[in-house]
Amino acid sequence: MTRGNQRDLARAKNQKKQQEMQKKKNASEKTGMSLQERKHRDAELMREKQRKKEEQVAANMNNHKQTAN
């Protein structure tokens, strides 16, 4: 047998946890994108960010070479 109200407390805790998980699931569904679509979008954003960073590094290298000469 359980001691006191442990069973009730455990049920309430589990119910709260389930509600939080459902909220997170609903929030992701509201974006209208599947997991695969989000991964694709994020990959495109990271490629764009990397391309900009490479351009910035190249520009800095050109500026450094010009000031050295």
Protein backbone atom coordinates (compact mmCIF):
# COMPACT_ATOMS: atom_id res chain seq x y z
CA MET A 1 0.00 0.00 0.00
CA THR A 2 1.05 3.54 -0.58
CA ARG A 3 1.74 5.99 2.17
CA GLY A 4 -0.79 8.76 2.54
CA ASN A 5 -1.54 10.67 -0.62
CA GLN A 6 1.55 9.66 -2.65
CA ARG A 7 -0.58 8.01 -5.31
CA ASP A 8 -2.70 11.12 -5.75
CA LEU A 9 0.38 13.35 -5.89
CA ALA A 10 2.00 11.08 -8.48
CA ARG A 11 -1.13 11.14 -10.62
CA ALA A 12 -1.33 14.93 -10.45
CA LYS A 13 2.35 15.27 -11.33
CA ASN A 14 2.00 12.90 -14.27
CA GLN A 15 -1.12 14.70 -15.50
CA LYS A 16 0.70 18.03 -15.40
CA LYS A 17 3.63 16.51 -17.30
CA GLN A 18 1.29 15.13 -19.96
CA GLN A 19 -0.38 18.53 -20.36
CA GLU A 20 3.01 20.23 -20.84
CA MET A 21 3.99 17.70 -23.49
CA GLN A 22 0.67 18.24 -25.26
CA LYS A 23 1.20 22.02 -25.23
CA LYS A 24 4.64 21.58 -26.83
CA LYS A 25 3.19 19.25 -29.44
CA ASN A 26 0.39 21.69 -30.24
CA ALA A 27 2.85 24.57 -30.52
CA SER A 28 4.90 22.69 -33.09
CA GLU A 29 1.76 21.84 -35.05
CA LYS A 30 0.75 25.50 -35.18
CA THR A 31 3.84 26.32 -37.23
CA GLY A 32 2.34 24.25 -40.03
CA MET A 33 5.62 22.52 -40.81
CA SER A 34 6.57 18.92 -40.37
CA LEU A 35 9.82 17.91 -38.78
CA GLN A 36 11.38 17.28 -42.18
CA GLU A 37 10.29 20.70 -43.46
CA ARG A 38 11.76 22.41 -40.39
CA LYS A 39 15.04 20.53 -40.83
CA HIS A 40 15.19 21.59 -44.47
CA ARG A 41 14.46 25.22 -43.59
CA ASP A 42 17.05 25.24 -40.82
CA ALA A 43 19.66 23.68 -43.11
CA GLU A 44 19.05 26.38 -45.71
CA LEU A 45 19.40 29.10 -43.08
CA MET A 46 22.67 27.62 -41.84
CA ARG A 47 24.05 27.39 -45.40
CA GLU A 48 23.17 31.04 -45.98
CA LYS A 49 24.78 32.03 -42.69
CA GLN A 50 27.92 30.08 -43.55
CA ARG A 51 28.10 31.66 -47.02
CA LYS A 52 27.87 35.16 -45.52
CA LYS A 53 30.58 34.34 -43.00
CA GLU A 54 32.88 33.06 -45.75
CA GLU A 55 32.30 36.24 -47.76
CA GLN A 56 33.11 38.34 -44.70
CA VAL A 57 36.32 36.41 -44.06
CA ALA A 58 37.33 36.79 -47.72
CA ALA A 59 36.64 40.54 -47.58
CA ASN A 60 38.72 40.85 -44.42
CA MET A 61 41.58 38.96 -46.05
CA ASN A 62 41.46 41.29 -49.08
CA ASN A 63 41.47 44.37 -46.84
CA HIS A 64 44.37 42.97 -44.85
CA LYS A 65 46.39 42.28 -48.02
CA GLN A 66 45.74 45.78 -49.36
CA THR A 67 46.87 47.47 -46.15
CA ALA A 68 50.00 45.28 -46.01
CA ASN A 69 51.13 46.39 -49.49
